[in-house]
């Protein structure tokens, strides 16, 4: 609109200052050209504004898509971390059970060896006592 006003003012001034018919006709043509230029400028401004709005909307939509993808990837990474933690806990529990079972077996073996030695010592003592 700011560009339109000076052009229209010039066109009107040319039309008013024309005294004879050829000058008036020339002024009329100049006014028509100025009005056409103003219309063209207004249309270009509208088109540029519409393009800017479309570009902003597209950028917003793209940003939203990227944010949703990032959220989905984060959720997937958290799910994988939870699975890995659960698997590690299960392996640790299995290892603890195995270690406990091996310790119990080792304790039983040691007790059995001690019992055998005690029995052998008792038998040896008994034989010694019989020999005397």
C-alpha atoms as a PDB file:
ATOM      1  CA  UNK A   1       0.000   0.000   0.000  1.00  0.00           C
ATOM      2  CA  UNK A   2       2.899   2.373   0.765  1.00  0.00           C
ATOM      3  CA  UNK A   3       4.202   1.976  -2.809  1.00  0.00           C
ATOM      4  CA  UNK A   4       0.753   2.379  -4.268  1.00  0.00           C
ATOM      5  CA  UNK A   5       0.078   5.831  -2.805  1.00  0.00           C
ATOM      6  CA  UNK A   6       3.023   7.677  -4.432  1.00  0.00           C
ATOM      7  CA  UNK A   7       2.309   6.064  -7.785  1.00  0.00           C
ATOM      8  CA  UNK A   8      -1.344   7.074  -7.661  1.00  0.00           C
ATOM      9  CA  UNK A   9      -0.377  10.603  -6.582  1.00  0.00           C
ATOM     10  CA  UNK A  10       1.973  10.961  -9.528  1.00  0.00           C
ATOM     11  CA  UNK A  11      -0.653   9.621 -11.902  1.00  0.00           C
ATOM     12  CA  UNK A  12      -3.266  12.048 -10.561  1.00  0.00           C
ATOM     13  CA  UNK A  13      -0.877  14.995 -10.744  1.00  0.00           C
ATOM     14  CA  UNK A  14      -0.043  14.183 -14.336  1.00  0.00           C
ATOM     15  CA  UNK A  15      -3.714  14.000 -15.245  1.00  0.00           C
ATOM     16  CA  UNK A  16      -4.532  17.340 -13.561  1.00  0.00           C
ATOM     17  CA  UNK A  17      -1.614  19.229 -15.057  1.00  0.00           C
ATOM     18  CA  UNK A  18      -2.360  18.166 -18.588  1.00  0.00           C
ATOM     19  CA  UNK A  19      -3.861  21.089 -20.475  1.00  0.00           C
ATOM     20  CA  UNK A  20      -4.385  19.833 -23.937  1.00  0.00           C
ATOM     21  CA  UNK A  21      -5.824  16.604 -25.252  1.00  0.00           C
ATOM     22  CA  UNK A  22      -2.541  14.885 -26.268  1.00  0.00           C
ATOM     23  CA  UNK A  23      -1.028  15.689 -22.866  1.00  0.00           C
ATOM     24  CA  UNK A  24      -4.212  14.526 -21.165  1.00  0.00           C
ATOM     25  CA  UNK A  25      -4.124  11.282 -23.109  1.00  0.00           C
ATOM     26  CA  UNK A  26      -0.464  10.797 -22.215  1.00  0.00           C
ATOM     27  CA  UNK A  27      -1.233  11.525 -18.572  1.00  0.00           C
ATOM     28  CA  UNK A  28      -4.094   9.021 -18.668  1.00  0.00           C
ATOM     29  CA  UNK A  29      -1.813   6.352 -20.089  1.00  0.00           C
ATOM     30  CA  UNK A  30       0.792   7.147 -17.435  1.00  0.00           C
ATOM     31  CA  UNK A  31      -1.876   6.882 -14.751  1.00  0.00           C
ATOM     32  CA  UNK A  32      -3.034   3.540 -16.182  1.00  0.00           C
ATOM     33  CA  UNK A  33       0.552   2.260 -16.181  1.00  0.00           C
ATOM     34  CA  UNK A  34       1.059   3.476 -12.615  1.00  0.00           C
ATOM     35  CA  UNK A  35      -2.146   1.754 -11.506  1.00  0.00           C
ATOM     36  CA  UNK A  36      -1.103  -1.459 -13.281  1.00  0.00           C
ATOM     37  CA  UNK A  37       2.316  -1.278 -11.628  1.00  0.00           C
ATOM     38  CA  UNK A  38       0.675  -0.783  -8.244  1.00  0.00           C
ATOM     39  CA  UNK A  39      -1.632  -3.782  -8.846  1.00  0.00           C
ATOM     40  CA  UNK A  40       1.340  -5.865  -9.894  1.00  0.00           C
ATOM     41  CA  UNK A  41       3.270  -4.826  -6.768  1.00  0.00           C
ATOM     42  CA  UNK A  42       0.288  -5.651  -4.557  1.00  0.00           C
ATOM     43  CA  UNK A  43      -0.095  -9.082  -6.188  1.00  0.00           C
ATOM     44  CA  UNK A  44       3.632  -9.781  -5.781  1.00  0.00           C
ATOM     45  CA  UNK A  45       3.423  -8.801  -2.113  1.00  0.00           C
ATOM     46  CA  UNK A  46       0.443 -11.117  -1.550  1.00  0.00           C
ATOM     47  CA  UNK A  47       2.234 -13.970  -3.301  1.00  0.00           C
ATOM     48  CA  UNK A  48       5.394 -13.432  -1.249  1.00  0.00           C
ATOM     49  CA  UNK A  49       3.376 -13.345   1.976  1.00  0.00           C
ATOM     50  CA  UNK A  50       1.515 -16.544   1.043  1.00  0.00           C
ATOM     51  CA  UNK A  51       4.811 -18.234   0.152  1.00  0.00           C
ATOM     52  CA  UNK A  52       6.293 -17.170   3.494  1.00  0.00           C
ATOM     53  CA  UNK A  53       3.287 -18.601   5.359  1.00  0.00           C
ATOM     54  CA  UNK A  54       3.515 -21.863   3.405  1.00  0.00           C
ATOM     55  CA  UNK A  55       7.248 -22.120   4.084  1.00  0.00           C
ATOM     56  CA  UNK A  56       6.717 -21.489   7.809  1.00  0.00           C
ATOM     57  CA  UNK A  57       3.977 -24.125   7.975  1.00  0.00           C
ATOM     58  CA  UNK A  58       6.166 -26.631   6.142  1.00  0.00           C
ATOM     59  CA  UNK A  59       9.104 -25.918   8.446  1.00  0.00           C
ATOM     60  CA  UNK A  60       6.841 -26.376  11.474  1.00  0.00           C
ATOM     61  CA  UNK A  61       5.516 -29.668  10.127  1.00  0.00           C
ATOM     62  CA  UNK A  62       9.058 -30.894   9.420  1.00  0.00           C
ATOM     63  CA  UNK A  63      10.157 -29.920  12.913  1.00  0.00           C
ATOM     64  CA  UNK A  64       7.211 -31.804  14.398  1.00  0.00           C
ATOM     65  CA  UNK A  65       8.044 -34.919  12.371  1.00  0.00           C
ATOM     66  CA  UNK A  66      11.680 -34.768  13.488  1.00  0.00           C
ATOM     67  CA  UNK A  67      10.623 -34.317  17.120  1.00  0.00           C
ATOM     68  CA  UNK A  68       8.306 -37.334  16.892  1.00  0.00           C
ATOM     69  CA  UNK A  69      11.074 -39.431  15.332  1.00  0.00           C
ATOM     70  CA  UNK A  70      13.488 -38.404  18.067  1.00  0.00           C
ATOM     71  CA  UNK A  71      10.925 -39.302  20.727  1.00  0.00           C
ATOM     72  CA  UNK A  72      10.337 -42.702  19.137  1.00  0.00           C
ATOM     73  CA  UNK A  73      14.085 -43.382  18.927  1.00  0.00           C
ATOM     74  CA  UNK A  74      14.515 -42.352  22.562  1.00  0.00           C
ATOM     75  CA  UNK A  75      11.690 -44.651  23.636  1.00  0.00           C
ATOM     76  CA  UNK A  76      13.217 -47.505  21.660  1.00  0.00           C
ATOM     77  CA  UNK A  77      16.633 -46.893  23.241  1.00  0.00           C
ATOM     78  CA  UNK A  78      15.054 -46.902  26.712  1.00  0.00           C
ATOM     79  CA  UNK A  79      13.254 -50.176  25.927  1.00  0.00           C
ATOM     80  CA  UNK A  80      16.520 -51.737  24.760  1.00  0.00           C
ATOM     81  CA  UNK A  81      18.300 -50.512  27.889  1.00  0.00           C
ATOM     82  CA  UNK A  82      15.575 -52.040  30.071  1.00  0.00           C
ATOM     83  CA  UNK A  83      15.886 -55.360  28.241  1.00  0.00           C
ATOM     84  CA  UNK A  84      19.682 -55.306  28.586  1.00  0.00           C
ATOM     85  CA  UNK A  85      19.376 -54.527  32.320  1.00  0.00           C
ATOM     86  CA  UNK A  86      16.867 -57.339  32.836  1.00  0.00           C
ATOM     87  CA  UNK A  87      19.127 -59.772  30.946  1.00  0.00           C
ATOM     88  CA  UNK A  88      22.149 -58.712  33.004  1.00  0.00           C
ATOM     89  CA  UNK A  89      20.177 -59.170  36.236  1.00  0.00           C
ATOM     90  CA  UNK A  90      19.078 -62.649  35.123  1.00  0.00           C
ATOM     91  CA  UNK A  91      22.663 -63.613  34.272  1.00  0.00           C
ATOM     92  CA  UNK A  92      23.831 -62.305  37.643  1.00  0.00           C
ATOM     93  CA  UNK A  93      21.117 -64.314  39.432  1.00  0.00           C
ATOM     94  CA  UNK A  94      22.115 -67.445  37.502  1.00  0.00           C
ATOM     95  CA  UNK A  95      25.776 -66.875  38.340  1.00  0.00           C
ATOM     96  CA  UNK A  96      24.904 -66.407  42.023  1.00  0.00           C
ATOM     97  CA  UNK A  97      22.884 -69.637  42.058  1.00  0.00           C
ATOM     98  CA  UNK A  98      25.714 -71.506  40.333  1.00  0.00           C
ATOM     99  CA  UNK A  99      28.312 -70.103  42.719  1.00  0.00           C
ATOM    100  CA  UNK A 100      26.139 -71.030  45.713  1.00  0.00           C
ATOM    101  CA  UNK A 101      25.674 -74.573  44.376  1.00  0.00           C
ATOM    102  CA  UNK A 102      29.421 -74.960  43.733  1.00  0.00           C
ATOM    103  CA  UNK A 103      30.203 -73.656  47.221  1.00  0.00           C
ATOM    104  CA  UNK A 104      27.712 -76.089  48.738  1.00  0.00           C
ATOM    105  CA  UNK A 105      29.217 -78.952  46.727  1.00  0.00           C
ATOM    106  CA  UNK A 106      32.736 -77.943  47.769  1.00  0.00           C
ATOM    107  CA  UNK A 107      31.633 -77.748  51.419  1.00  0.00           C
ATOM    108  CA  UNK A 108      29.993 -81.177  51.185  1.00  0.00           C
ATOM    109  CA  UNK A 109      33.118 -82.627  49.554  1.00  0.00           C
ATOM    110  CA  UNK A 110      35.325 -81.127  52.244  1.00  0.00           C
ATOM    111  CA  UNK A 111      33.017 -82.453  54.968  1.00  0.00           C
ATOM    112  CA  UNK A 112      33.047 -85.881  53.369  1.00  0.00           C
ATOM    113  CA  UNK A 113      36.856 -85.892  53.161  1.00  0.00           C
ATOM    114  CA  UNK A 114      37.035 -84.779  56.789  1.00  0.00           C
ATOM    115  CA  UNK A 115      34.616 -87.536  57.751  1.00  0.00           C
ATOM    116  CA  UNK A 116      36.675 -90.116  55.856  1.00  0.00           C
ATOM    117  CA  UNK A 117      39.864 -88.947  57.554  1.00  0.00           C
ATOM    118  CA  UNK A 118      38.118 -88.959  60.913  1.00  0.00           C
ATOM    119  CA  UNK A 119      36.856 -92.493  60.267  1.00  0.00           C
ATOM    120  CA  UNK A 120      40.318 -93.608  59.177  1.00  0.00           C
ATOM    121  CA  UNK A 121      41.842 -92.001  62.268  1.00  0.00           C
ATOM    122  CA  UNK A 122      39.220 -93.701  64.452  1.00  0.00           C
ATOM    123  CA  UNK A 123      39.850 -97.063  62.823  1.00  0.00           C
ATOM    124  CA  UNK A 124      43.580 -96.582  63.199  1.00  0.00           C
ATOM    125  CA  UNK A 125      43.122 -95.670  66.843  1.00  0.00           C
ATOM    126  CA  UNK A 126      40.885 -98.693  67.327  1.00  0.00           C
ATOM    127  CA  UNK A 127      43.462-100.995  65.750  1.00  0.00           C
ATOM    128  CA  UNK A 128      46.146 -99.518  67.925  1.00  0.00           C
ATOM    129  CA  UNK A 129      43.998-100.079  70.961  1.00  0.00           C
ATOM    130  CA  UNK A 130      43.381-103.710  69.980  1.00  0.00           C
ATOM    131  CA  UNK A 131      47.066-104.278  69.346  1.00  0.00           C
ATOM    132  CA  UNK A 132      47.993-103.230  72.808  1.00  0.00           C
END
